[in-house]
Amino acid sequence: MLPKKFIFYFILSGLFFVKNVFSAESFANYPQRAVRFIVPFVPGAGTDLTTRAISKKLTEQYGQQFIPDNRSGAAGAIGADITAKANPDGYTLCLISSGHTVLSASQANLPYDLLRDLQAVTQISSLFYLLVINPQLPAKSLKELIVFAKNNPGKLTQGSSGTGALQHLSGEMLAYRAGVKFTHVPYKGGAASLAAVIAGEVDLSFTSLLSARAHIPMGRIRVLGITASKRSPVVPDIPTIAESGVLGFEANQWYGVITSAKVPMPIVNKLSAMIQGAVHSTDVVERLVYDGSIPVHSSSAEFKIHLATEISKWRKLIKEAGLNLN
C-alpha cells in the first residue's frame, strides 16, 4: 500500500490536471455568454459608432451578444475605471481612444493606472485630424499661419473639445514646436469647437474628416494639414503638418480595446484575434475608412507598448511646454 503522502500528491496532481483541462476548455469555448462592451463616451461619437460596428460583427461571428454600454464622463475615465474593477473573466471590454493616454499623462489622481490595472487587448484603428481655420484668416497655408501667429502674438484662438483633450494637446504641440502661442478656448465637444471655427468665434481647431467633410466644399473652413506622419490616401492632396515645416509633429487619434489586467492571457489573446477579424471585415473597414481611419493590426503586447509610448510622449510635451491641465 502506498504511503499516505504519495496518495495525497496523486490526488493533488489529479485535481491540478483537471483544473488545467477545464480552464483550457473554458478558454477554447470563449465566449459562452453575452459580453459587455463599454463605450466611455456619449452615443453618436466616433468611439460609439466604431464599437457598435465591431460588436455587430462579433455577435454575427460568434453567436453571443456583444452589447455596447455607454458610460461617459470624466473624459473617458469613468468607463475605463469600471473596466478596471470589473470581474476579470473577459466578459467586460472597453473601447478607448488616444485621449486616455493624455489623461494618464496629465492627471495624477485617476482611480486607475492604465498600464497596471488594465490589460491592452488590441489597437483597432488610427485616425488623423485635420487642422482647420476660419477662411477669413489671411493664411492660405500652415507656414503662413505660423508667420501670422508670430507677427500677432497671442491673437490666434484655438477651439477644442475640452481642456486636456487630444484636440487641445494637438494645438499645444503645434504651438510649442512652431514657437508660437494660441489662446485655448475649450468647448463641450468637438462638434461645438468646429461650429465655433465656422462662426468665427475662434480661429482654428483640429477635427475629424467625418465632421469636416460637409463643410470643406462649401468653403466654411480652410484645411491646412493633417496630423498624421505621412499623407493619407483618403485625402492625398492635403499635406502633413510635419512636411509643412513643423518637424516631428504627429498627433493621431486612435481606438483600441482594453479589459481588466487580471483577465487570463489565453482569453486576452483570443479576444485580440476575434476583434482583429471583425475590424478587418469588409463592412467594418468601409465604416472606418469613411472618416479617414486606417485599420491597425496589433497584438496585446504591441498595443501595450503603444500605450506606454503615447503616455510618455504627452507627459514630455506637458512638462516641456509647461502646460497646466488640471
Foldseek 3Di string as FASTA:
>chain_A
DDDPVVVVVVVVVVVVVVVVVVVVVPLVLPPPEEAEEEEQADPPDPSNVLQVLLQVLLCVVNVYGHDYDYNYDPQSLRLVVCQLPDDQALRYKYKDKLLVLLCLLAPPPRPDHCLPSKFFQWWWKWFKWWKKWAVVDPDQAPVSVLVVQVVVAAPAAEEDLAQSGLFVVLVLLQCVLSVGDHHYDYDNGPLVRVVCRLVVVGTITIGWCVSCVVPVVVNSIHTHAIQAPAAAPLCNVGHHPCVSPSPPGHRIMTMGMMGTPPHDVSNSQVVLVSSNVSCPDPVNCVVQVVRPMDTDRDGSVRVSVVSVVSSVVSNVSCVVSVDNRD
